[in-house]
Amino acid sequence: MKFTSFLLAFTLPALSLPAAAQTASTPSGQAWPARTVRIIVPFAPGGGTDTVSRFLAAKFPEQIGGTWVVENRSSSGGLLGADLVAKAAPDGYTLLVTSPEFAINPSMRAKMPYDTFRDFAFISQLASGQFMMACHPNVPVKNAKELVALAKARPDQLTYGTSGAGGINHLAGELLQSMTGAKWLHIPFKGAGPAIIAALGGETEFAIASTIGLVAHVKSGKLRGVAVTGTQRFAELPNVMTVAEAGVPGYSVTGWYGFYAPAGTPQDIVRRLHEESRRALASPDIREKLVRAGNEPVGTSPAEFQAFIRAEYDKWAKVVRQANLRVD
């Protein structure tokens, strides 16, 4: 099984918005937002995607007005929530925030309920970040090298939980196996939150999730940080080494969060959402929260974001094909 390691690193460009943003409108001509806006998160509460979405939902009322709620629609690979948005009315009241699974799913699955490019309006890449491997305190490992050694001593006995089969966290675990010869068992959950809960309860030996989802549990001592998956250590947990530092050179897995609307959403609403999401990401409070959780604000334009997703789609198609992975 061969994988190609990857690294995504972005910075938020200088933000320049008009003093008073123009009012957007729905297809009926009604001022937007005139009723509650739903941000659909296709994973369970408690993970990185959910957290980033709630940052926006808390900030948008003061920036845009109206009521904003986060609605979790958990399913394998985030398909259910994404499909709900793909088929929603294109009026700016049903939006999607999701993660790299959006670009991975088409290559992993024989059938897709929606078309990744035809059925969505691309708003912006919100943030980039990395992941963490964290174990239950009873597991006798302190870094990735020791985890690999334990797995080799106990092949197919260690279990790790992720947000679902075929997701980027799953592929992060598979990549480490392929690069080291370790053998462990993957336990897919319907979101990072349940995977973390399983590790907290000792149902699995370790979890792979976003730094956002794991940092508080590691700081409290309820879980032990084993490794971060990017090329640099996480500033909030400086004693947790990268996988590469611990003896697996070339290993690097990072991810991102993206913002979408149904295809056909009026351009003035898409433009407003892009501008206001960049404004929110540039605000000192959200920027600090993201950075402290191991993420970097991004804020690309709709055109840049669509090109980025196309590149991710093509890259993951090659990786999945080489690894002969399928989820049906």
C-alpha atoms as a PDB file:
ATOM      1  CA  MET A   1       0.000   0.000   0.000  1.00  0.00           C
ATOM      2  CA  LYS A   2       1.531   3.301  -1.035  1.00  0.00           C
ATOM      3  CA  PHE A   3       0.469   6.758  -0.041  1.00  0.00           C
ATOM      4  CA  THR A   4       1.692  10.205  -0.936  1.00  0.00           C
ATOM      5  CA  SER A   5       2.176  12.440   2.095  1.00  0.00           C
ATOM      6  CA  PHE A   6       0.821  15.919   1.792  1.00  0.00           C
ATOM      7  CA  LEU A   7       0.896  19.338   3.406  1.00  0.00           C
ATOM      8  CA  LEU A   8      -1.534  22.196   3.062  1.00  0.00           C
ATOM      9  CA  ALA A   9      -0.395  25.549   4.433  1.00  0.00           C
ATOM     10  CA  PHE A  10      -2.278  28.781   3.888  1.00  0.00           C
ATOM     11  CA  THR A  11      -2.399  32.236   5.406  1.00  0.00           C
ATOM     12  CA  LEU A  12      -5.264  34.690   5.503  1.00  0.00           C
ATOM     13  CA  PRO A  13      -4.704  37.544   3.016  1.00  0.00           C
ATOM     14  CA  ALA A  14      -5.236  41.139   4.030  1.00  0.00           C
ATOM     15  CA  LEU A  15      -8.950  41.810   4.386  1.00  0.00           C
ATOM     16  CA  SER A  16     -10.523  44.795   2.690  1.00  0.00           C
ATOM     17  CA  LEU A  17     -14.291  45.133   2.991  1.00  0.00           C
ATOM     18  CA  PRO A  18     -16.596  48.081   2.326  1.00  0.00           C
ATOM     19  CA  ALA A  19     -17.668  50.049   5.372  1.00  0.00           C
ATOM     20  CA  ALA A  20     -21.216  48.827   4.929  1.00  0.00           C
ATOM     21  CA  ALA A  21     -21.777  45.577   3.074  1.00  0.00           C
ATOM     22  CA  GLN A  22     -24.592  45.568   0.545  1.00  0.00           C
ATOM     23  CA  THR A  23     -27.810  43.808   1.475  1.00  0.00           C
ATOM     24  CA  ALA A  24     -28.174  40.440  -0.233  1.00  0.00           C
ATOM     25  CA  SER A  25     -31.503  39.101  -1.399  1.00  0.00           C
ATOM     26  CA  THR A  26     -33.166  35.756  -2.073  1.00  0.00           C
ATOM     27  CA  PRO A  27     -34.629  34.737  -5.454  1.00  0.00           C
ATOM     28  CA  SER A  28     -37.983  36.212  -4.327  1.00  0.00           C
ATOM     29  CA  GLY A  29     -36.352  39.597  -3.829  1.00  0.00           C
ATOM     30  CA  GLN A  30     -36.732  39.384  -0.040  1.00  0.00           C
ATOM     31  CA  ALA A  31     -33.851  40.832   1.997  1.00  0.00           C
ATOM     32  CA  TRP A  32     -31.543  38.110   3.319  1.00  0.00           C
ATOM     33  CA  PRO A  33     -31.473  36.782   6.002  1.00  0.00           C
ATOM     34  CA  ALA A  34     -35.115  37.171   6.941  1.00  0.00           C
ATOM     35  CA  ARG A  35     -35.320  33.855   8.832  1.00  0.00           C
ATOM     36  CA  THR A  36     -33.051  31.322  10.517  1.00  0.00           C
ATOM     37  CA  VAL A  37     -29.978  30.238   8.566  1.00  0.00           C
ATOM     38  CA  ARG A  38     -28.848  26.632   9.099  1.00  0.00           C
ATOM     39  CA  ILE A  39     -25.189  25.667   8.871  1.00  0.00           C
ATOM     40  CA  ILE A  40     -25.182  21.923   8.267  1.00  0.00           C
ATOM     41  CA  VAL A  41     -22.253  20.007   9.755  1.00  0.00           C
ATOM     42  CA  PRO A  42     -22.218  16.457   8.366  1.00  0.00           C
ATOM     43  CA  PHE A  43     -20.499  15.048  11.459  1.00  0.00           C
ATOM     44  CA  ALA A  44     -21.321  14.612  15.135  1.00  0.00           C
ATOM     45  CA  PRO A  45     -20.767  17.469  17.623  1.00  0.00           C
ATOM     46  CA  GLY A  46     -17.357  17.861  19.196  1.00  0.00           C
ATOM     47  CA  GLY A  47     -15.036  17.654  16.204  1.00  0.00           C
ATOM     48  CA  GLY A  48     -13.088  20.330  14.367  1.00  0.00           C
ATOM     49  CA  THR A  49     -15.706  20.911  11.661  1.00  0.00           C
ATOM     50  CA  ASP A  50     -18.398  21.397  14.278  1.00  0.00           C
ATOM     51  CA  THR A  51     -16.220  23.801  16.276  1.00  0.00           C
ATOM     52  CA  VAL A  52     -15.299  25.992  13.305  1.00  0.00           C
ATOM     53  CA  SER A  53     -18.966  26.120  12.261  1.00  0.00           C
ATOM     54  CA  ARG A  54     -20.003  27.279  15.719  1.00  0.00           C
ATOM     55  CA  PHE A  55     -17.400  30.055  15.603  1.00  0.00           C
ATOM     56  CA  LEU A  56     -19.144  31.384  12.496  1.00  0.00           C
ATOM     57  CA  ALA A  57     -22.667  30.850  13.821  1.00  0.00           C
ATOM     58  CA  ALA A  58     -21.770  32.896  16.903  1.00  0.00           C
ATOM     59  CA  LYS A  59     -20.141  35.696  14.894  1.00  0.00           C
ATOM     60  CA  PHE A  60     -22.525  36.100  11.956  1.00  0.00           C
ATOM     61  CA  PRO A  61     -25.515  37.524  13.893  1.00  0.00           C
ATOM     62  CA  GLU A  62     -23.485  40.583  14.873  1.00  0.00           C
ATOM     63  CA  GLN A  63     -21.985  40.932  11.394  1.00  0.00           C
ATOM     64  CA  ILE A  64     -24.962  40.055   9.194  1.00  0.00           C
ATOM     65  CA  GLY A  65     -27.948  39.914  11.509  1.00  0.00           C
ATOM     66  CA  GLY A  66     -30.561  37.196  11.757  1.00  0.00           C
ATOM     67  CA  THR A  67     -30.436  33.862  13.575  1.00  0.00           C
ATOM     68  CA  TRP A  68     -27.783  31.268  12.766  1.00  0.00           C
ATOM     69  CA  VAL A  69     -27.819  27.687  13.997  1.00  0.00           C
ATOM     70  CA  VAL A  70     -25.518  24.710  13.558  1.00  0.00           C
ATOM     71  CA  GLU A  71     -27.289  21.462  12.718  1.00  0.00           C
ATOM     72  CA  ASN A  72     -25.341  18.193  12.959  1.00  0.00           C
ATOM     73  CA  ARG A  73     -26.310  15.503  10.430  1.00  0.00           C
ATOM     74  CA  SER A  74     -23.785  12.777  11.131  1.00  0.00           C
ATOM     75  CA  SER A  75     -23.096   9.954   8.697  1.00  0.00           C
ATOM     76  CA  SER A  76     -20.187   8.030   7.203  1.00  0.00           C
ATOM     77  CA  GLY A  77     -17.926  10.396   5.307  1.00  0.00           C
ATOM     78  CA  GLY A  78     -20.305  13.295   5.821  1.00  0.00           C
ATOM     79  CA  LEU A  79     -22.521  12.206   2.915  1.00  0.00           C
ATOM     80  CA  LEU A  80     -25.911  12.764   4.553  1.00  0.00           C
ATOM     81  CA  GLY A  81     -25.353  16.385   5.503  1.00  0.00           C
ATOM     82  CA  ALA A  82     -23.713  17.285   2.207  1.00  0.00           C
ATOM     83  CA  ASP A  83     -26.570  15.662   0.276  1.00  0.00           C
ATOM     84  CA  LEU A  84     -29.110  17.603   2.347  1.00  0.00           C
ATOM     85  CA  VAL A  85     -27.436  20.869   1.320  1.00  0.00           C
ATOM     86  CA  ALA A  86     -27.032  19.793  -2.313  1.00  0.00           C
ATOM     87  CA  LYS A  87     -30.801  19.257  -2.540  1.00  0.00           C
ATOM     88  CA  ALA A  88     -31.855  22.278  -0.445  1.00  0.00           C
ATOM     89  CA  ALA A  89     -33.476  25.379  -1.893  1.00  0.00           C
ATOM     90  CA  PRO A  90     -30.729  27.711  -3.190  1.00  0.00           C
ATOM     91  CA  ASP A  91     -31.879  30.670  -1.124  1.00  0.00           C
ATOM     92  CA  GLY A  92     -29.042  31.156   1.362  1.00  0.00           C
ATOM     93  CA  TYR A  93     -30.797  29.514   4.306  1.00  0.00           C
ATOM     94  CA  THR A  94     -29.125  26.073   4.188  1.00  0.00           C
ATOM     95  CA  LEU A  95     -25.317  26.054   4.103  1.00  0.00           C
ATOM     96  CA  LEU A  96     -22.576  23.452   4.559  1.00  0.00           C
ATOM     97  CA  VAL A  97     -19.271  23.404   6.417  1.00  0.00           C
ATOM     98  CA  THR A  98     -17.247  20.256   5.918  1.00  0.00           C
ATOM     99  CA  SER A  99     -13.741  18.847   5.728  1.00  0.00           C
ATOM    100  CA  PRO A 100     -11.434  16.929   3.302  1.00  0.00           C
ATOM    101  CA  GLU A 101     -13.901  14.030   3.123  1.00  0.00           C
ATOM    102  CA  PHE A 102     -15.815  16.235   0.670  1.00  0.00           C
ATOM    103  CA  ALA A 103     -12.970  15.782  -1.845  1.00  0.00           C
ATOM    104  CA  ILE A 104     -12.132  12.193  -0.847  1.00  0.00           C
ATOM    105  CA  ASN A 105     -15.608  10.621  -1.019  1.00  0.00           C
ATOM    106  CA  PRO A 106     -16.020  10.523  -4.818  1.00  0.00           C
ATOM    107  CA  SER A 107     -12.917   8.328  -5.141  1.00  0.00           C
ATOM    108  CA  MET A 108     -13.803   6.095  -2.190  1.00  0.00           C
ATOM    109  CA  ARG A 109     -17.407   5.295  -3.093  1.00  0.00           C
ATOM    110  CA  ALA A 110     -18.971   3.525  -6.055  1.00  0.00           C
ATOM    111  CA  LYS A 111     -22.117   5.664  -5.830  1.00  0.00           C
ATOM    112  CA  MET A 112     -22.482   9.294  -4.761  1.00  0.00           C
ATOM    113  CA  PRO A 113     -25.846  10.941  -3.981  1.00  0.00           C
ATOM    114  CA  TYR A 114     -24.665  14.292  -5.382  1.00  0.00           C
ATOM    115  CA  ASP A 115     -22.115  15.724  -7.793  1.00  0.00           C
ATOM    116  CA  THR A 116     -19.241  17.398  -5.954  1.00  0.00           C
ATOM    117  CA  PHE A 117     -18.875  20.252  -8.441  1.00  0.00           C
ATOM    118  CA  ARG A 118     -22.273  20.563 -10.112  1.00  0.00           C
ATOM    119  CA  ASP A 119     -24.435  20.634  -6.979  1.00  0.00           C
ATOM    120  CA  PHE A 120     -22.630  23.214  -4.813  1.00  0.00           C
ATOM    121  CA  ALA A 121     -21.694  26.879  -4.818  1.00  0.00           C
ATOM    122  CA  PHE A 122     -18.190  27.271  -3.403  1.00  0.00           C
ATOM    123  CA  ILE A 123     -17.879  30.057  -0.813  1.00  0.00           C
ATOM    124  CA  SER A 124     -14.451  29.815   0.836  1.00  0.00           C
ATOM    125  CA  GLN A 125     -11.834  27.648   2.450  1.00  0.00           C
ATOM    126  CA  LEU A 126     -12.175  28.680   6.083  1.00  0.00           C
ATOM    127  CA  ALA A 127      -9.105  27.237   7.788  1.00  0.00           C
ATOM    128  CA  SER A 128      -6.328  24.683   7.550  1.00  0.00           C
ATOM    129  CA  GLY A 129      -4.983  22.551  10.357  1.00  0.00           C
ATOM    130  CA  GLN A 130      -3.515  19.262  11.428  1.00  0.00           C
ATOM    131  CA  PHE A 131      -4.563  16.203  13.383  1.00  0.00           C
ATOM    132  CA  MET A 132      -3.491  14.481  16.558  1.00  0.00           C
ATOM    133  CA  MET A 133      -3.144  10.915  17.699  1.00  0.00           C
ATOM    134  CA  ALA A 134      -4.232  10.667  21.327  1.00  0.00           C
ATOM    135  CA  CYS A 135      -4.452   7.556  23.476  1.00  0.00           C
ATOM    136  CA  HIS A 136      -6.160   6.499  26.675  1.00  0.00           C
ATOM    137  CA  PRO A 137      -3.785   7.051  29.644  1.00  0.00           C
ATOM    138  CA  ASN A 138      -3.634   3.292  30.262  1.00  0.00           C
ATOM    139  CA  VAL A 139      -1.956   2.686  26.891  1.00  0.00           C
ATOM    140  CA  PRO A 140       1.813   2.515  27.564  1.00  0.00           C
ATOM    141  CA  VAL A 141       3.045   4.830  24.782  1.00  0.00           C
ATOM    142  CA  LYS A 142       4.228   8.451  24.751  1.00  0.00           C
ATOM    143  CA  ASN A 143       5.012   9.053  21.085  1.00  0.00           C
ATOM    144  CA  ALA A 144       4.455   7.662  17.607  1.00  0.00           C
ATOM    145  CA  LYS A 145       7.597   5.515  17.720  1.00  0.00           C
ATOM    146  CA  GLU A 146       6.373   3.751  20.853  1.00  0.00           C
ATOM    147  CA  LEU A 147       2.874   3.385  19.393  1.00  0.00           C
ATOM    148  CA  VAL A 148       4.281   1.724  16.280  1.00  0.00           C
ATOM    149  CA  ALA A 149       6.470  -0.572  18.406  1.00  0.00           C
ATOM    150  CA  LEU A 150       3.479  -1.623  20.524  1.00  0.00           C
ATOM    151  CA  ALA A 151       1.395  -2.293  17.416  1.00  0.00           C
ATOM    152  CA  LYS A 152       4.158  -4.452  15.959  1.00  0.00           C
ATOM    153  CA  ALA A 153       4.388  -6.387  19.213  1.00  0.00           C
ATOM    154  CA  ARG A 154       0.604  -6.812  19.278  1.00  0.00           C
ATOM    155  CA  PRO A 155      -0.430  -6.958  15.599  1.00  0.00           C
ATOM    156  CA  ASP A 156      -4.118  -6.336  14.904  1.00  0.00           C
ATOM    157  CA  GLN A 157      -4.863  -5.901  18.615  1.00  0.00           C
ATOM    158  CA  LEU A 158      -4.720  -2.125  18.996  1.00  0.00           C
ATOM    159  CA  THR A 159      -7.816  -0.239  17.876  1.00  0.00           C
ATOM    160  CA  TYR A 160      -8.117   3.372  16.788  1.00  0.00           C
ATOM    161  CA  GLY A 161     -11.234   5.443  16.234  1.00  0.00           C
ATOM    162  CA  THR A 162     -11.891   8.116  13.633  1.00  0.00           C
ATOM    163  CA  SER A 163     -14.791  10.141  12.272  1.00  0.00           C
ATOM    164  CA  GLY A 164     -15.564   7.449   9.684  1.00  0.00           C
ATOM    165  CA  ALA A 165     -14.340   4.975   7.103  1.00  0.00           C
ATOM    166  CA  GLY A 166     -12.593   6.619   4.184  1.00  0.00           C
ATOM    167  CA  GLY A 167     -12.135   9.941   5.934  1.00  0.00           C
ATOM    168  CA  ILE A 168      -8.873  11.802   6.186  1.00  0.00           C
ATOM    169  CA  ASN A 169      -8.319  10.643   9.779  1.00  0.00           C
ATOM    170  CA  HIS A 170      -8.740   7.045   8.639  1.00  0.00           C
ATOM    171  CA  LEU A 171      -6.252   7.602   5.826  1.00  0.00           C
ATOM    172  CA  ALA A 172      -3.834   9.185   8.318  1.00  0.00           C
ATOM    173  CA  GLY A 173      -3.836   5.939  10.288  1.00  0.00           C
ATOM    174  CA  GLU A 174      -3.514   3.834   7.147  1.00  0.00           C
ATOM    175  CA  LEU A 175      -0.595   5.974   5.973  1.00  0.00           C
ATOM    176  CA  LEU A 176       1.293   5.379   9.217  1.00  0.00           C
ATOM    177  CA  GLN A 177       0.697   1.643   8.922  1.00  0.00           C
ATOM    178  CA  SER A 178       1.935   1.577   5.335  1.00  0.00           C
ATOM    179  CA  MET A 179       5.092   3.528   6.195  1.00  0.00           C
ATOM    180  CA  THR A 180       6.031   1.471   9.279  1.00  0.00           C
ATOM    181  CA  GLY A 181       4.580  -2.014   8.902  1.00  0.00           C
ATOM    182  CA  ALA A 182       2.476  -1.595  12.048  1.00  0.00           C
ATOM    183  CA  LYS A 183      -0.882  -3.378  12.138  1.00  0.00           C
ATOM    184  CA  TRP A 184      -3.877  -2.025  14.019  1.00  0.00           C
ATOM    185  CA  LEU A 185      -7.645  -2.104  13.606  1.00  0.00           C
ATOM    186  CA  HIS A 186      -9.711   0.860  12.454  1.00  0.00           C
ATOM    187  CA  ILE A 187     -13.022   1.545  14.225  1.00  0.00           C
ATOM    188  CA  PRO A 188     -15.151   4.044  12.252  1.00  0.00           C
ATOM    189  CA  PHE A 189     -17.560   6.324  14.117  1.00  0.00           C
ATOM    190  CA  LYS A 190     -20.152   8.802  12.852  1.00  0.00           C
ATOM    191  CA  GLY A 191     -18.019  11.809  13.657  1.00  0.00           C
ATOM    192  CA  ALA A 192     -14.918  12.784  15.598  1.00  0.00           C
ATOM    193  CA  GLY A 193     -16.909  13.430  18.790  1.00  0.00           C
ATOM    194  CA  PRO A 194     -17.965   9.777  19.268  1.00  0.00           C
ATOM    195  CA  ALA A 195     -14.458   8.595  18.343  1.00  0.00           C
ATOM    196  CA  ILE A 196     -12.975  10.817  21.048  1.00  0.00           C
ATOM    197  CA  ILE A 197     -15.555   9.628  23.593  1.00  0.00           C
ATOM    198  CA  ALA A 198     -14.602   6.021  22.821  1.00  0.00           C
ATOM    199  CA  ALA A 199     -10.932   6.777  23.498  1.00  0.00           C
ATOM    200  CA  LEU A 200     -11.834   8.620  26.713  1.00  0.00           C
ATOM    201  CA  GLY A 201     -13.753   5.565  27.896  1.00  0.00           C
ATOM    202  CA  GLY A 202     -11.024   3.105  26.939  1.00  0.00           C
ATOM    203  CA  GLU A 203     -13.168   1.446  24.277  1.00  0.00           C
ATOM    204  CA  THR A 204     -10.353   2.089  21.787  1.00  0.00           C
ATOM    205  CA  GLU A 205      -6.632   2.461  22.454  1.00  0.00           C
ATOM    206  CA  PHE A 206      -6.347   5.752  20.578  1.00  0.00           C
ATOM    207  CA  ALA A 207      -8.169   8.234  18.376  1.00  0.00           C
ATOM    208  CA  ILE A 208      -7.096  10.322  15.407  1.00  0.00           C
ATOM    209  CA  ALA A 209      -8.948  13.631  15.279  1.00  0.00           C
ATOM    210  CA  SER A 210      -8.378  17.339  14.795  1.00  0.00           C
ATOM    211  CA  THR A 211      -6.301  19.251  17.319  1.00  0.00           C
ATOM    212  CA  ILE A 212      -9.432  21.341  17.947  1.00  0.00           C
ATOM    213  CA  GLY A 213     -11.342  18.278  19.129  1.00  0.00           C
ATOM    214  CA  LEU A 214      -8.551  16.790  21.250  1.00  0.00           C
ATOM    215  CA  VAL A 215      -6.608  19.658  22.828  1.00  0.00           C
ATOM    216  CA  ALA A 216      -8.818  20.128  25.901  1.00  0.00           C
ATOM    217  CA  HIS A 217      -8.831  16.405  26.715  1.00  0.00           C
ATOM    218  CA  VAL A 218      -5.051  16.172  26.399  1.00  0.00           C
ATOM    219  CA  LYS A 219      -4.498  19.263  28.545  1.00  0.00           C
ATOM    220  CA  SER A 220      -6.788  17.849  31.234  1.00  0.00           C
ATOM    221  CA  GLY A 221      -4.913  14.529  31.261  1.00  0.00           C
ATOM    222  CA  LYS A 222      -7.948  12.521  30.219  1.00  0.00           C
ATOM    223  CA  LEU A 223      -6.084  11.555  27.038  1.00  0.00           C
ATOM    224  CA  ARG A 224      -2.363  11.482  26.246  1.00  0.00           C
ATOM    225  CA  GLY A 225      -1.127  13.271  23.140  1.00  0.00           C
ATOM    226  CA  VAL A 226       0.954  10.776  21.162  1.00  0.00           C
ATOM    227  CA  ALA A 227       1.739  12.746  18.002  1.00  0.00           C
ATOM    228  CA  VAL A 228       0.604  15.529  15.705  1.00  0.00           C
ATOM    229  CA  THR A 229       0.400  14.712  12.018  1.00  0.00           C
ATOM    230  CA  GLY A 230       1.760  17.895  10.415  1.00  0.00           C
ATOM    231  CA  THR A 231       5.310  19.116   9.933  1.00  0.00           C
ATOM    232  CA  GLN A 232       5.422  21.315  13.037  1.00  0.00           C
ATOM    233  CA  ARG A 233       4.506  20.819  16.671  1.00  0.00           C
ATOM    234  CA  PHE A 234       1.277  22.254  18.023  1.00  0.00           C
ATOM    235  CA  ALA A 235       2.053  25.380  20.073  1.00  0.00           C
ATOM    236  CA  GLU A 236      -0.574  24.581  22.724  1.00  0.00           C
ATOM    237  CA  LEU A 237       0.998  21.150  23.351  1.00  0.00           C
ATOM    238  CA  PRO A 238       4.698  21.712  22.650  1.00  0.00           C
ATOM    239  CA  ASN A 239       5.793  18.409  24.203  1.00  0.00           C
ATOM    240  CA  VAL A 240       3.818  16.353  21.682  1.00  0.00           C
ATOM    241  CA  MET A 241       6.162  15.438  18.833  1.00  0.00           C
ATOM    242  CA  THR A 242       5.251  15.187  15.175  1.00  0.00           C
ATOM    243  CA  VAL A 243       5.091  11.707  13.663  1.00  0.00           C
ATOM    244  CA  ALA A 244       8.126  12.553  11.535  1.00  0.00           C
ATOM    245  CA  GLU A 245      10.142  13.639  14.589  1.00  0.00           C
ATOM    246  CA  ALA A 246       9.350  10.349  16.305  1.00  0.00           C
ATOM    247  CA  GLY A 247      11.037   8.338  13.599  1.00  0.00           C
ATOM    248  CA  VAL A 248       8.792   8.281  10.522  1.00  0.00           C
ATOM    249  CA  PRO A 249      10.452  10.804   8.172  1.00  0.00           C
ATOM    250  CA  GLY A 250       8.277  12.115   5.359  1.00  0.00           C
ATOM    251  CA  TYR A 251       4.989  11.554   7.175  1.00  0.00           C
ATOM    252  CA  SER A 252       2.676  14.576   6.991  1.00  0.00           C
ATOM    253  CA  VAL A 253      -1.126  14.822   7.015  1.00  0.00           C
ATOM    254  CA  THR A 254      -3.007  18.101   7.320  1.00  0.00           C
ATOM    255  CA  GLY A 255      -6.552  19.147   6.509  1.00  0.00           C
ATOM    256  CA  TRP A 256      -8.994  21.981   5.992  1.00  0.00           C
ATOM    257  CA  TYR A 257     -12.559  23.228   6.483  1.00  0.00           C
ATOM    258  CA  GLY A 258     -14.701  24.512   3.608  1.00  0.00           C
ATOM    259  CA  PHE A 259     -17.888  26.574   3.274  1.00  0.00           C
ATOM    260  CA  TYR A 260     -20.556  25.816   0.628  1.00  0.00           C
ATOM    261  CA  ALA A 261     -24.113  26.637  -0.457  1.00  0.00           C
ATOM    262  CA  PRO A 262     -26.441  24.792  -2.844  1.00  0.00           C
ATOM    263  CA  ALA A 263     -25.749  25.368  -6.536  1.00  0.00           C
ATOM    264  CA  GLY A 264     -27.867  28.202  -7.873  1.00  0.00           C
ATOM    265  CA  THR A 265     -27.639  30.321  -4.715  1.00  0.00           C
ATOM    266  CA  PRO A 266     -27.727  33.995  -5.806  1.00  0.00           C
ATOM    267  CA  GLN A 267     -24.261  35.401  -6.381  1.00  0.00           C
ATOM    268  CA  ASP A 268     -24.851  38.369  -4.081  1.00  0.00           C
ATOM    269  CA  ILE A 269     -25.534  35.947  -1.201  1.00  0.00           C
ATOM    270  CA  VAL A 270     -22.438  33.844  -2.032  1.00  0.00           C
ATOM    271  CA  ARG A 271     -20.367  37.019  -2.252  1.00  0.00           C
ATOM    272  CA  ARG A 272     -21.735  38.288   1.062  1.00  0.00           C
ATOM    273  CA  LEU A 273     -21.038  34.968   2.786  1.00  0.00           C
ATOM    274  CA  HIS A 274     -17.488  34.984   1.453  1.00  0.00           C
ATOM    275  CA  GLU A 275     -16.864  38.548   2.632  1.00  0.00           C
ATOM    276  CA  GLU A 276     -18.408  37.995   6.045  1.00  0.00           C
ATOM    277  CA  SER A 277     -16.615  34.686   6.624  1.00  0.00           C
ATOM    278  CA  ARG A 278     -13.284  36.380   5.849  1.00  0.00           C
ATOM    279  CA  ARG A 279     -14.251  39.205   8.183  1.00  0.00           C
ATOM    280  CA  ALA A 280     -15.088  36.705  10.934  1.00  0.00           C
ATOM    281  CA  LEU A 281     -11.828  34.790  10.417  1.00  0.00           C
ATOM    282  CA  ALA A 282      -9.857  38.039  10.654  1.00  0.00           C
ATOM    283  CA  SER A 283     -11.510  39.064  13.928  1.00  0.00           C
ATOM    284  CA  PRO A 284      -9.054  38.823  16.841  1.00  0.00           C
ATOM    285  CA  ASP A 285     -11.257  36.520  18.931  1.00  0.00           C
ATOM    286  CA  ILE A 286     -11.891  33.867  16.268  1.00  0.00           C
ATOM    287  CA  ARG A 287      -8.358  34.065  14.910  1.00  0.00           C
ATOM    288  CA  GLU A 288      -6.976  33.485  18.414  1.00  0.00           C
ATOM    289  CA  LYS A 289      -9.331  30.549  19.011  1.00  0.00           C
ATOM    290  CA  LEU A 290      -8.354  28.927  15.713  1.00  0.00           C
ATOM    291  CA  VAL A 291      -4.622  29.382  16.212  1.00  0.00           C
ATOM    292  CA  ARG A 292      -4.764  28.131  19.791  1.00  0.00           C
ATOM    293  CA  ALA A 293      -6.555  25.033  18.511  1.00  0.00           C
ATOM    294  CA  GLY A 294      -3.821  24.374  15.941  1.00  0.00           C
ATOM    295  CA  ASN A 295      -5.492  25.882  12.875  1.00  0.00           C
ATOM    296  CA  GLU A 296      -4.769  28.788  10.542  1.00  0.00           C
ATOM    297  CA  PRO A 297      -7.495  31.044   9.082  1.00  0.00           C
ATOM    298  CA  VAL A 298      -7.547  31.026   5.271  1.00  0.00           C
ATOM    299  CA  GLY A 299     -10.441  32.852   3.550  1.00  0.00           C
ATOM    300  CA  THR A 300      -9.930  32.133  -0.167  1.00  0.00           C
ATOM    301  CA  SER A 301     -12.252  33.506  -2.851  1.00  0.00           C
ATOM    302  CA  PRO A 302     -14.996  31.273  -4.312  1.00  0.00           C
ATOM    303  CA  ALA A 303     -12.966  30.753  -7.518  1.00  0.00           C
ATOM    304  CA  GLU A 304      -9.782  29.971  -5.591  1.00  0.00           C
ATOM    305  CA  PHE A 305     -11.660  27.590  -3.337  1.00  0.00           C
ATOM    306  CA  GLN A 306     -13.217  25.678  -6.228  1.00  0.00           C
ATOM    307  CA  ALA A 307      -9.784  25.313  -7.863  1.00  0.00           C
ATOM    308  CA  PHE A 308      -8.393  24.061  -4.550  1.00  0.00           C
ATOM    309  CA  ILE A 309     -11.147  21.433  -4.230  1.00  0.00           C
ATOM    310  CA  ARG A 310     -10.492  20.299  -7.801  1.00  0.00           C
ATOM    311  CA  ALA A 311      -6.802  19.800  -6.974  1.00  0.00           C
ATOM    312  CA  GLU A 312      -7.722  17.905  -3.769  1.00  0.00           C
ATOM    313  CA  TYR A 313     -10.191  15.753  -5.691  1.00  0.00           C
ATOM    314  CA  ASP A 314      -7.547  14.790  -8.266  1.00  0.00           C
ATOM    315  CA  LYS A 315      -4.862  14.166  -5.632  1.00  0.00           C
ATOM    316  CA  TRP A 316      -7.030  11.905  -3.481  1.00  0.00           C
ATOM    317  CA  ALA A 317      -8.263   9.968  -6.503  1.00  0.00           C
ATOM    318  CA  LYS A 318      -4.650   8.992  -7.162  1.00  0.00           C
ATOM    319  CA  VAL A 319      -3.946   8.109  -3.519  1.00  0.00           C
ATOM    320  CA  VAL A 320      -7.090   5.985  -3.143  1.00  0.00           C
ATOM    321  CA  ARG A 321      -6.403   4.203  -6.427  1.00  0.00           C
ATOM    322  CA  GLN A 322      -2.827   3.397  -5.423  1.00  0.00           C
ATOM    323  CA  ALA A 323      -3.978   2.103  -2.018  1.00  0.00           C
ATOM    324  CA  ASN A 324      -6.915   0.170  -3.504  1.00  0.00           C
ATOM    325  CA  LEU A 325      -9.334   1.578  -0.917  1.00  0.00           C
ATOM    326  CA  ARG A 326     -13.134   1.531  -1.312  1.00  0.00           C
ATOM    327  CA  VAL A 327     -16.101   2.196   0.969  1.00  0.00           C
ATOM    328  CA  ASP A 328     -19.381   0.859  -0.456  1.00  0.00           C
END
